[in-house]
Amino acid sequence: SESRSHLRGALSTFTDGDLQVIPDWFRERGWSLERILQVLCWHEPHHQGQAHAALNLWKGSHG
């Protein structure tokens, strides 16, 4: 998908040496690139789980 291509392109601009860098737009939170990637890896699958839970609840209440 296009979103996946954009993400892969963005990630390819970083190296392992960049993991401890805190980007300007996350300076207030104190989040390094490593932390941002950890949250991203948790956050997106979390939405998938929410969608499945909602669908299963709907199916359960609508026979």
Protein backbone atom coordinates (compact mmCIF):
# COMPACT_ATOMS: atom_id res chain seq x y z
CA SER A 1 0.00 0.00 0.00
CA GLU A 2 1.01 3.60 -0.41
CA SER A 3 1.11 4.24 3.35
CA ARG A 4 3.45 1.29 3.83
CA SER A 5 5.73 2.61 1.08
CA HIS A 6 5.85 6.04 2.72
CA LEU A 7 6.69 4.51 6.10
CA ARG A 8 9.41 2.30 4.65
CA GLY A 9 10.88 5.25 2.78
CA ALA A 10 10.93 7.37 5.93
CA LEU A 11 12.45 4.61 8.05
CA SER A 12 15.17 3.97 5.49
CA THR A 13 16.55 7.46 6.15
CA PHE A 14 17.57 6.47 9.70
CA THR A 15 20.43 4.31 10.97
CA ASP A 16 20.94 2.48 14.26
CA GLY A 17 22.95 5.48 15.38
CA ASP A 18 19.82 7.64 15.16
CA LEU A 19 17.80 5.62 17.67
CA GLN A 20 18.77 7.81 20.63
CA VAL A 21 18.11 11.07 18.76
CA ILE A 22 15.16 13.08 20.06
CA PRO A 23 13.52 14.81 17.08
CA ASP A 24 12.56 18.46 17.60
CA TRP A 25 8.85 17.69 17.31
CA PHE A 26 9.13 15.17 20.22
CA ARG A 27 11.53 17.15 22.40
CA GLU A 28 8.73 18.21 24.77
CA ARG A 29 7.88 14.55 25.43
CA GLY A 30 11.53 13.54 25.53
CA TRP A 31 10.89 10.71 23.07
CA SER A 32 13.83 9.32 21.14
CA LEU A 33 13.41 7.73 17.73
CA GLU A 34 13.67 4.37 19.48
CA ARG A 35 10.71 5.24 21.75
CA ILE A 36 8.68 6.55 18.82
CA LEU A 37 9.19 3.26 16.97
CA GLN A 38 8.21 1.28 20.08
CA VAL A 39 4.98 3.24 20.40
CA LEU A 40 4.26 2.91 16.69
CA CYS A 41 4.74 -0.87 16.88
CA TRP A 42 2.24 -1.05 19.74
CA HIS A 43 -0.22 1.62 18.64
CA GLU A 44 -1.12 0.41 15.15
CA PRO A 45 -1.82 -3.24 16.12
CA HIS A 46 -3.86 -1.88 19.04
CA HIS A 47 -6.25 -0.29 16.52
CA GLN A 48 -6.54 -3.62 14.69
CA GLY A 49 -7.52 -5.27 17.97
CA GLN A 50 -10.09 -2.56 18.65
CA ALA A 51 -11.64 -3.10 15.22
CA HIS A 52 -11.91 -6.85 15.77
CA ALA A 53 -13.42 -6.41 19.22
CA ALA A 54 -16.02 -3.97 17.88
CA LEU A 55 -16.88 -6.29 14.98
CA ASN A 56 -17.21 -9.29 17.28
CA LEU A 57 -19.46 -7.34 19.66
CA TRP A 58 -21.63 -6.21 16.75
CA LYS A 59 -21.85 -9.76 15.38
CA GLY A 60 -22.74 -11.06 18.83
CA SER A 61 -25.59 -8.59 19.25
CA HIS A 62 -26.96 -8.99 15.72
CA GLY A 63 -26.97 -12.77 15.51
